Amino acid sequence: MPLDNIIIIGGGISGVAAALSLKQQQRNVSIYELRDGPSTIGGALNLTPNALRYLDAWNVLPKLLPRGCSVRSFELFNMVDGTKTAEMSLGNVAKFGYEVMRILRKDLLDALLETLEEQGTSVEYGKAVSEIQEIDGGVRAVFRDGTSVEGKLLLGCDGIHSRTRIGFVEPERRPIYTKIAVVLGLVDSNTLTSPIHFRDTAFNMSQNGSLIASYFNPDRRQIFLGALMQTEEEKDRDGWRVRGADQDRLREELKERFQDVKIPCLMEMVGNVKELSLYPVHKLTGGGKWSRGSVMLLGDAAHAMPPQGESVGYALEDVALFAELLKGCKDPSQLSQSFQRYEELRRPRIDAALKETEFRWAQGTRDVGWLQFKIQQWVMPWFLWLTRNKKEEDFASDVRKLVG
């Protein structure tokens, strides 16, 4: 019995990438998304060379080049005194095969969806999962609208609040609020009168949180601005929605937090930023179950961690590695062996990434005193230098080569 009729839950980046990779193997794939249309939430993503390598293999990269911006270096600034404390070079196409790209999440998803539609497959929207059931020879997904679908394999690519994980794979593993929220917005660069202090992307640290500023489109007419700041948790999602809808309050909070910065263009960006969006940052604990029966979790559904510039890359690596392993799986009876091998190959990389992310996330996102801030300013340049070689190895790597 062939391994066909693969169900993908989640029509975001991970889910559509999984569909593209499996369709290259001539698999029959169906993909379902609970929202009524493609998601437009989120800011500008960082696509590392290894992420672009997989997107190129899935024929998506040509659609990204006219939409994204090349990032040649990452710069670290101290907003308290206005100095640059570190810089990491990123653009080495000769070494990595690909550059680093910054692009809006929406533009990446649109490119993925366009490529999928060219291959004759579309996402079915408005399909919220109510139950996942093990059945003889496979798995069944039941939707809230009363319909259901059966397959030999189900991939849970439905993000940190995954219904696949919470409802079937590991119900007790719930998202944890990090006590950090992100406020995102876009700034027209021609509205700024002060010199822009960075080349491509800058991480600007203060005692009251940090500001990420980055170009993200080819003509560099706009700048992505993201504020990372310690924020008390709201009681529920409605509370976050109400808070995020209060544009005046968000803008005033940003101005108050960063009022003493010594980099003039950043204060201009805070004042000129367009519509703001507020997102609480959640994470999953390390470890956990990634599979059960004929169901496998990929991306944030399995190992969501705070954003640190490579989150999308990890999700695309998941897809690339799993799809490569599935090439040798000709029958549903071989799934458990493929699942086991996938986790053997993947968990060490994810565990190491989680440790690094936890350390980096602790620097510059929380309110700190003068001494702790001074320590952070000393530690971060050394951390970037010490991890540089490992980062370059990751940029040059291809997880598909792990499969013997």
Protein backbone atom coordinates (compact mmCIF):
# COMPACT_ATOMS: atom_id res chain seq x y z
CA MET A 1 0.00 0.00 0.00
CA PRO A 2 1.67 3.30 -1.08
CA LEU A 3 2.21 6.16 1.32
CA ASP A 4 -0.18 8.63 -0.24
CA ASN A 5 -3.05 10.89 0.83
CA ILE A 6 -1.01 13.06 3.18
CA ILE A 7 -2.94 15.56 5.31
CA ILE A 8 -1.28 18.84 6.31
CA ILE A 9 -2.87 20.90 9.07
CA GLY A 10 -1.78 24.54 8.84
CA GLY A 11 -1.63 26.77 5.78
CA GLY A 12 1.24 28.95 6.98
CA ILE A 13 4.88 28.88 5.95
CA SER A 14 5.67 25.41 7.36
CA GLY A 15 2.53 23.79 5.99
CA VAL A 16 2.82 25.17 2.46
CA ALA A 17 6.56 24.38 2.36
CA ALA A 18 5.76 20.80 3.42
CA ALA A 19 3.18 20.52 0.66
CA LEU A 20 5.66 21.76 -1.95
CA SER A 21 8.41 19.39 -0.84
CA LEU A 22 6.09 16.37 -0.85
CA LYS A 23 4.53 17.22 -4.20
CA GLN A 24 8.02 17.03 -5.67
CA GLN A 25 7.86 13.34 -4.69
CA GLN A 26 4.55 12.99 -6.54
CA ARG A 27 2.66 12.54 -3.26
CA ASN A 28 -1.05 13.32 -3.02
CA VAL A 29 -1.26 16.19 -0.52
CA SER A 30 -4.18 18.13 0.96
CA ILE A 31 -3.66 21.18 3.17
CA TYR A 32 -6.11 22.78 5.60
CA GLU A 33 -6.05 26.14 7.42
CA LEU A 34 -8.40 27.31 10.17
CA ARG A 35 -8.33 30.97 9.07
CA ASP A 36 -10.57 32.23 6.28
CA GLY A 37 -7.60 33.27 4.14
CA PRO A 38 -3.81 33.60 4.11
CA SER A 39 -2.38 35.13 7.27
CA THR A 40 -1.13 38.71 7.01
CA ILE A 41 0.21 38.97 10.57
CA GLY A 42 3.88 39.27 11.44
CA GLY A 43 6.77 41.49 10.51
CA ALA A 44 9.93 41.13 8.44
CA LEU A 45 11.62 37.75 8.55
CA ASN A 46 15.29 36.91 8.28
CA LEU A 47 16.00 34.19 5.71
CA THR A 48 19.45 32.67 6.20
CA PRO A 49 21.43 31.03 3.36
CA ASN A 50 20.31 27.55 4.39
CA ALA A 51 16.66 28.69 4.38
CA LEU A 52 17.08 30.13 0.87
CA ARG A 53 18.72 26.88 -0.24
CA TYR A 54 15.53 24.93 0.46
CA LEU A 55 13.25 27.61 -0.97
CA ASP A 56 15.32 27.48 -4.15
CA ALA A 57 14.91 23.70 -4.30
CA TRP A 58 11.13 24.15 -4.07
CA ASN A 59 11.18 26.76 -6.88
CA VAL A 60 10.13 29.60 -4.58
CA LEU A 61 13.31 31.70 -4.57
CA PRO A 62 12.75 33.44 -7.95
CA LYS A 63 9.52 34.90 -6.54
CA LEU A 64 11.32 36.21 -3.44
CA LEU A 65 14.15 38.10 -5.16
CA PRO A 66 11.93 40.99 -6.35
CA ARG A 67 10.31 41.27 -2.90
CA GLY A 68 13.12 40.92 -0.37
CA CYS A 69 16.23 42.86 0.60
CA SER A 70 19.80 41.56 0.78
CA VAL A 71 21.32 41.73 4.26
CA ARG A 72 25.10 41.95 4.17
CA SER A 73 25.72 42.51 7.88
CA PHE A 74 24.07 42.58 11.29
CA GLU A 75 24.97 45.53 13.52
CA LEU A 76 24.57 45.86 17.28
CA PHE A 77 24.09 49.30 18.86
CA ASN A 78 23.95 50.72 22.38
CA MET A 79 21.03 53.18 22.38
CA VAL A 80 22.10 54.69 25.69
CA ASP A 81 25.28 56.25 24.31
CA GLY A 82 24.68 55.83 20.57
CA THR A 83 27.73 53.64 19.87
CA LYS A 84 28.04 50.56 17.65
CA THR A 85 29.26 47.68 19.78
CA ALA A 86 29.53 44.84 17.26
CA GLU A 87 29.01 43.82 13.65
CA MET A 88 28.65 40.40 12.05
CA SER A 89 29.23 39.98 8.33
CA LEU A 90 26.56 37.82 6.67
CA GLY A 91 26.85 38.23 2.93
CA ASN A 92 29.26 35.59 1.64
CA VAL A 93 27.61 34.03 -1.38
CA ALA A 94 30.85 32.35 -2.45
CA LYS A 95 31.04 30.54 0.88
CA PHE A 96 27.38 29.81 1.62
CA GLY A 97 25.92 29.62 -1.87
CA TYR A 98 23.22 32.12 -0.93
CA GLU A 99 22.97 35.51 0.75
CA VAL A 100 20.83 36.52 3.72
CA MET A 101 17.47 38.08 2.90
CA ARG A 102 15.01 40.15 4.93
CA ILE A 103 11.41 39.94 3.68
CA LEU A 104 7.91 40.49 5.00
CA ARG A 105 6.28 37.33 6.31
CA LYS A 106 3.27 38.01 4.10
CA ASP A 107 5.46 38.23 0.98
CA LEU A 108 7.15 34.92 1.78
CA LEU A 109 3.81 33.19 2.34
CA ASP A 110 2.39 34.69 -0.86
CA ALA A 111 5.35 33.36 -2.84
CA LEU A 112 4.93 29.89 -1.33
CA LEU A 113 1.20 29.88 -2.09
CA GLU A 114 1.73 31.06 -5.66
CA THR A 115 4.21 28.24 -6.25
CA LEU A 116 1.83 25.68 -4.74
CA GLU A 117 -1.06 26.87 -6.90
CA GLU A 118 1.12 26.60 -10.00
CA GLN A 119 1.44 22.92 -9.12
CA GLY A 120 -2.32 22.48 -8.98
CA THR A 121 -2.85 22.49 -5.21
CA SER A 122 -4.60 25.10 -3.07
CA VAL A 123 -5.10 25.53 0.66
CA GLU A 124 -8.60 24.85 1.95
CA TYR A 125 -9.43 27.71 4.32
CA GLY A 126 -11.93 27.90 7.16
CA LYS A 127 -11.11 24.32 8.23
CA ALA A 128 -10.64 24.29 11.99
CA VAL A 129 -9.72 20.88 13.41
CA SER A 130 -11.98 19.59 16.16
CA GLU A 131 -10.53 16.10 16.51
CA ILE A 132 -7.79 13.84 15.19
CA GLN A 133 -8.50 10.12 15.24
CA GLU A 134 -6.34 7.06 14.69
CA ILE A 135 -8.02 4.69 12.26
CA ASP A 136 -7.09 1.38 10.72
CA GLY A 137 -4.23 2.06 8.31
CA GLY A 138 -3.98 5.78 8.92
CA VAL A 139 -5.46 8.90 10.50
CA ARG A 140 -8.61 10.99 10.27
CA ALA A 141 -8.97 14.74 10.80
CA VAL A 142 -12.44 15.93 11.77
CA PHE A 143 -13.27 19.59 11.23
CA ARG A 144 -15.66 21.84 13.11
CA ASP A 145 -17.84 22.23 10.03
CA GLY A 146 -18.70 18.52 10.26
CA THR A 147 -16.49 17.34 7.41
CA SER A 148 -13.54 14.99 7.74
CA VAL A 149 -10.60 13.71 5.73
CA GLU A 150 -8.57 10.50 5.96
CA GLY A 151 -4.96 9.89 5.08
CA LYS A 152 -1.94 7.68 5.68
CA LEU A 153 0.04 10.49 7.31
CA LEU A 154 -0.86 13.79 9.01
CA LEU A 155 1.61 16.64 9.46
CA GLY A 156 0.85 19.18 12.18
CA CYS A 157 2.25 22.46 10.84
CA ASP A 158 -0.21 24.63 12.75
CA GLY A 159 2.12 26.75 14.86
CA ILE A 160 2.75 27.25 18.56
CA HIS A 161 -0.96 27.02 19.45
CA SER A 162 -1.17 23.79 17.43
CA ARG A 163 -4.48 22.00 17.67
CA THR A 164 -2.66 18.91 16.40
CA ARG A 165 -0.30 18.94 19.39
CA ILE A 166 -2.79 20.03 22.05
CA GLY A 167 -5.63 17.88 20.79
CA PHE A 168 -3.72 14.71 19.90
CA VAL A 169 0.07 14.44 20.19
CA GLU A 170 0.74 15.95 23.64
CA PRO A 171 -2.22 17.76 25.24
CA GLU A 172 -0.31 18.83 28.36
CA ARG A 173 2.36 20.75 26.42
CA ARG A 174 1.01 24.27 26.22
CA PRO A 175 2.58 27.57 25.14
CA ILE A 176 4.31 29.59 27.87
CA TYR A 177 4.27 33.39 27.85
CA THR A 178 7.82 34.77 27.96
CA LYS A 179 6.74 38.06 29.60
CA ILE A 180 7.95 39.80 26.46
CA ALA A 181 5.74 41.39 23.81
CA VAL A 182 6.69 42.65 20.38
CA VAL A 183 5.31 45.81 18.80
CA LEU A 184 5.75 45.88 15.02
CA GLY A 185 5.32 48.51 12.33
CA LEU A 186 6.69 49.93 9.08
CA VAL A 187 8.33 53.30 8.50
CA ASP A 188 8.72 55.14 5.19
CA SER A 189 12.44 55.89 5.03
CA ASN A 190 11.86 59.18 3.19
CA THR A 191 10.07 60.56 6.28
CA LEU A 192 13.32 60.49 8.28
CA THR A 193 15.46 63.61 8.46
CA SER A 194 18.22 62.17 10.67
CA PRO A 195 20.93 59.97 9.12
CA ILE A 196 20.06 56.27 9.21
CA HIS A 197 22.72 54.69 11.41
CA PHE A 198 22.79 51.16 10.00
CA ARG A 199 23.60 49.53 6.69
CA ASP A 200 21.01 46.74 6.46
CA THR A 201 19.80 45.50 9.86
CA ALA A 202 20.40 46.77 13.39
CA PHE A 203 19.64 45.44 16.86
CA ASN A 204 19.52 48.43 19.20
CA MET A 205 19.71 47.72 22.94
CA SER A 206 18.63 49.83 25.93
CA GLN A 207 17.80 49.31 29.60
CA ASN A 208 14.09 49.23 28.71
CA GLY A 209 14.04 46.74 25.86
CA SER A 210 15.36 46.81 22.31
CA LEU A 211 14.47 48.04 18.85
CA ILE A 212 15.08 46.06 15.68
CA ALA A 213 15.35 48.21 12.56
CA SER A 214 15.84 46.72 9.11
CA TYR A 215 15.29 47.35 5.44
CA PHE A 216 13.18 44.61 3.90
CA ASN A 217 12.36 45.51 0.28
CA PRO A 218 14.71 45.91 -2.70
CA ASP A 219 14.29 49.68 -3.12
CA ARG A 220 14.74 50.27 0.62
CA ARG A 221 11.87 52.71 0.71
CA GLN A 222 10.58 51.24 3.95
CA ILE A 223 12.08 50.12 7.26
CA PHE A 224 10.73 47.40 9.51
CA LEU A 225 10.67 48.48 13.18
CA GLY A 226 10.15 46.01 15.99
CA ALA A 227 10.20 46.78 19.71
CA LEU A 228 10.96 43.98 22.19
CA MET A 229 9.79 44.92 25.66
CA GLN A 230 8.91 43.41 29.00
CA THR A 231 5.12 43.36 29.26
CA GLU A 232 2.67 42.02 31.82
CA GLU A 233 0.44 39.25 30.52
CA GLU A 234 -3.17 39.95 29.61
CA LYS A 235 -5.83 37.57 30.93
CA ASP A 236 -6.83 36.21 27.53
CA ARG A 237 -6.59 36.78 23.77
CA ASP A 238 -9.35 39.37 23.88
CA GLY A 239 -7.28 41.38 26.34
CA TRP A 240 -4.32 41.33 23.95
CA ARG A 241 -6.57 42.34 21.04
CA VAL A 242 -7.98 45.31 22.94
CA ARG A 243 -4.51 46.41 24.00
CA GLY A 244 -3.13 46.02 20.50
CA ALA A 245 -6.00 48.01 19.00
CA ASP A 246 -5.16 51.08 21.11
CA GLN A 247 -2.70 52.71 18.68
CA ASP A 248 -2.23 55.85 20.75
CA ARG A 249 -1.35 53.86 23.86
CA LEU A 250 1.16 51.69 21.99
CA ARG A 251 2.83 54.69 20.40
CA GLU A 252 3.08 56.55 23.71
CA GLU A 253 4.52 53.48 25.42
CA LEU A 254 7.24 53.24 22.77
CA LYS A 255 8.07 56.95 23.10
CA GLU A 256 8.24 56.68 26.88
CA ARG A 257 10.43 53.57 26.88
CA PHE A 258 12.93 54.89 24.37
CA GLN A 259 12.78 58.63 25.09
CA ASP A 260 16.43 58.86 26.15
CA VAL A 261 18.02 57.09 23.18
CA LYS A 262 21.06 58.77 21.65
CA ILE A 263 20.38 57.63 18.08
CA PRO A 264 18.14 60.34 16.58
CA CYS A 265 16.70 58.37 13.66
CA LEU A 266 15.29 55.73 16.02
CA MET A 267 13.15 58.28 17.82
CA GLU A 268 11.99 59.55 14.43
CA MET A 269 11.05 55.99 13.47
CA VAL A 270 9.03 55.58 16.66
CA GLY A 271 7.19 58.81 15.86
CA ASN A 272 6.65 58.06 12.16
CA VAL A 273 5.86 54.35 12.27
CA LYS A 274 2.63 53.38 10.54
CA GLU A 275 -0.05 51.16 12.06
CA LEU A 276 1.34 49.19 14.99
CA SER A 277 0.70 45.55 15.83
CA LEU A 278 1.17 43.95 19.25
CA TYR A 279 2.10 40.28 19.71
CA PRO A 280 2.81 38.45 22.97
CA VAL A 281 5.81 36.14 22.58
CA HIS A 282 5.22 32.53 23.63
CA LYS A 283 7.49 29.51 23.61
CA LEU A 284 7.36 25.76 24.21
CA THR A 285 9.50 23.92 26.72
CA GLY A 286 12.35 21.90 25.25
CA GLY A 287 11.94 18.22 24.49
CA GLY A 288 8.35 17.09 24.31
CA LYS A 289 6.67 14.65 21.95
CA TRP A 290 6.82 15.36 18.25
CA SER A 291 4.80 12.41 16.99
CA ARG A 292 2.08 9.92 17.79
CA GLY A 293 0.81 7.16 15.55
CA SER A 294 0.72 8.47 11.98
CA VAL A 295 1.02 12.12 13.05
CA MET A 296 4.20 14.24 13.04
CA LEU A 297 4.64 17.84 14.22
CA LEU A 298 6.88 20.21 12.26
CA GLY A 299 8.04 23.78 12.88
CA ASP A 300 6.63 25.80 15.76
CA ALA A 301 4.05 23.12 16.50
CA ALA A 302 6.95 20.94 17.70
CA HIS A 303 9.55 23.37 19.06
CA ALA A 304 8.47 27.01 19.07
CA MET A 305 11.09 29.30 20.55
CA PRO A 306 11.35 33.09 20.87
CA PRO A 307 12.21 34.85 17.59
CA GLN A 308 15.95 35.25 17.05
CA GLY A 309 16.45 35.67 13.33
CA GLU A 310 16.44 32.01 12.29
CA SER A 311 13.05 30.65 13.37
CA VAL A 312 11.72 30.30 9.83
CA GLY A 313 14.98 28.63 8.83
CA TYR A 314 14.49 25.97 11.50
CA ALA A 315 10.97 25.27 10.26
CA LEU A 316 12.15 24.96 6.65
CA GLU A 317 14.95 22.64 7.79
CA ASP A 318 12.33 20.48 9.50
CA VAL A 319 10.42 20.20 6.24
CA ALA A 320 13.50 19.53 4.12
CA LEU A 321 14.84 16.80 6.40
CA PHE A 322 11.49 15.09 6.92
CA ALA A 323 10.72 15.10 3.20
CA GLU A 324 14.16 13.66 2.43
CA LEU A 325 13.60 10.83 4.91
CA LEU A 326 10.17 10.17 3.47
CA LYS A 327 11.69 9.39 0.08
CA GLY A 328 12.71 6.02 1.47
CA CYS A 329 9.29 5.39 3.01
CA LYS A 330 7.23 3.52 0.43
CA ASP A 331 4.63 2.05 2.77
CA PRO A 332 2.74 3.34 5.85
CA SER A 333 4.24 0.48 7.86
CA GLN A 334 7.63 2.21 7.54
CA LEU A 335 6.44 5.48 9.07
CA SER A 336 7.48 4.71 12.64
CA GLN A 337 11.03 4.01 11.48
CA SER A 338 11.11 7.29 9.51
CA PHE A 339 9.73 9.19 12.52
CA GLN A 340 12.39 7.72 14.80
CA ARG A 341 15.20 8.53 12.39
CA TYR A 342 13.91 12.07 11.91
CA GLU A 343 13.99 12.77 15.64
CA GLU A 344 17.46 11.22 16.01
CA LEU A 345 18.79 13.58 13.37
CA ARG A 346 16.78 16.66 14.29
CA ARG A 347 16.64 16.92 18.07
CA PRO A 348 20.34 17.72 18.69
CA ARG A 349 20.14 20.72 16.36
CA ILE A 350 16.90 21.99 17.90
CA ASP A 351 18.14 21.48 21.47
CA ALA A 352 21.29 23.49 20.71
CA ALA A 353 19.24 26.23 19.01
CA LEU A 354 16.93 26.47 22.01
CA LYS A 355 19.85 26.95 24.42
CA GLU A 356 21.37 29.66 22.23
CA THR A 357 18.01 31.38 21.82
CA GLU A 358 17.33 31.40 25.56
CA PHE A 359 20.66 33.13 26.14
CA ARG A 360 20.21 35.68 23.35
CA TRP A 361 16.61 36.33 24.36
CA ALA A 362 17.74 37.27 27.86
CA GLN A 363 19.94 40.04 26.43
CA GLY A 364 18.19 43.27 25.60
CA THR A 365 14.55 42.26 25.94
CA ARG A 366 13.91 42.89 29.64
CA ASP A 367 14.02 45.97 31.83
CA VAL A 368 17.41 46.00 33.56
CA GLY A 369 19.48 48.24 35.80
CA TRP A 370 22.58 50.18 34.80
CA LEU A 371 25.09 47.50 35.89
CA GLN A 372 23.30 44.61 34.20
CA PHE A 373 23.02 46.64 31.01
CA LYS A 374 26.78 47.31 31.10
CA ILE A 375 27.41 43.57 31.48
CA GLN A 376 25.12 42.85 28.52
CA GLN A 377 27.01 45.35 26.38
CA TRP A 378 30.25 43.57 27.22
CA VAL A 379 28.88 40.04 26.77
CA MET A 380 27.00 40.34 23.47
CA PRO A 381 29.97 41.23 21.19
CA TRP A 382 31.94 38.32 22.66
CA PHE A 383 28.98 36.00 22.23
CA LEU A 384 28.62 36.96 18.56
CA TRP A 385 32.34 36.42 18.02
CA LEU A 386 32.39 33.06 19.80
CA THR A 387 29.39 31.72 17.87
CA ARG A 388 30.48 33.09 14.49
CA ASN A 389 32.11 29.89 13.20
CA LYS A 390 29.17 27.74 14.25
CA LYS A 391 26.80 30.17 12.57
CA GLU A 392 28.77 29.98 9.35
CA GLU A 393 28.67 26.18 9.50
CA ASP A 394 24.91 26.33 9.85
CA PHE A 395 24.62 28.74 6.91
CA ALA A 396 26.58 26.36 4.70
CA SER A 397 24.80 23.21 5.89
CA ASP A 398 22.15 21.16 4.10
CA VAL A 399 20.14 18.84 6.37
CA ARG A 400 19.19 16.67 3.43
CA LYS A 401 22.79 15.41 3.33
CA LEU A 402 22.29 13.88 6.80
CA VAL A 403 20.15 11.19 5.22
CA GLY A 404 22.39 8.33 4.14
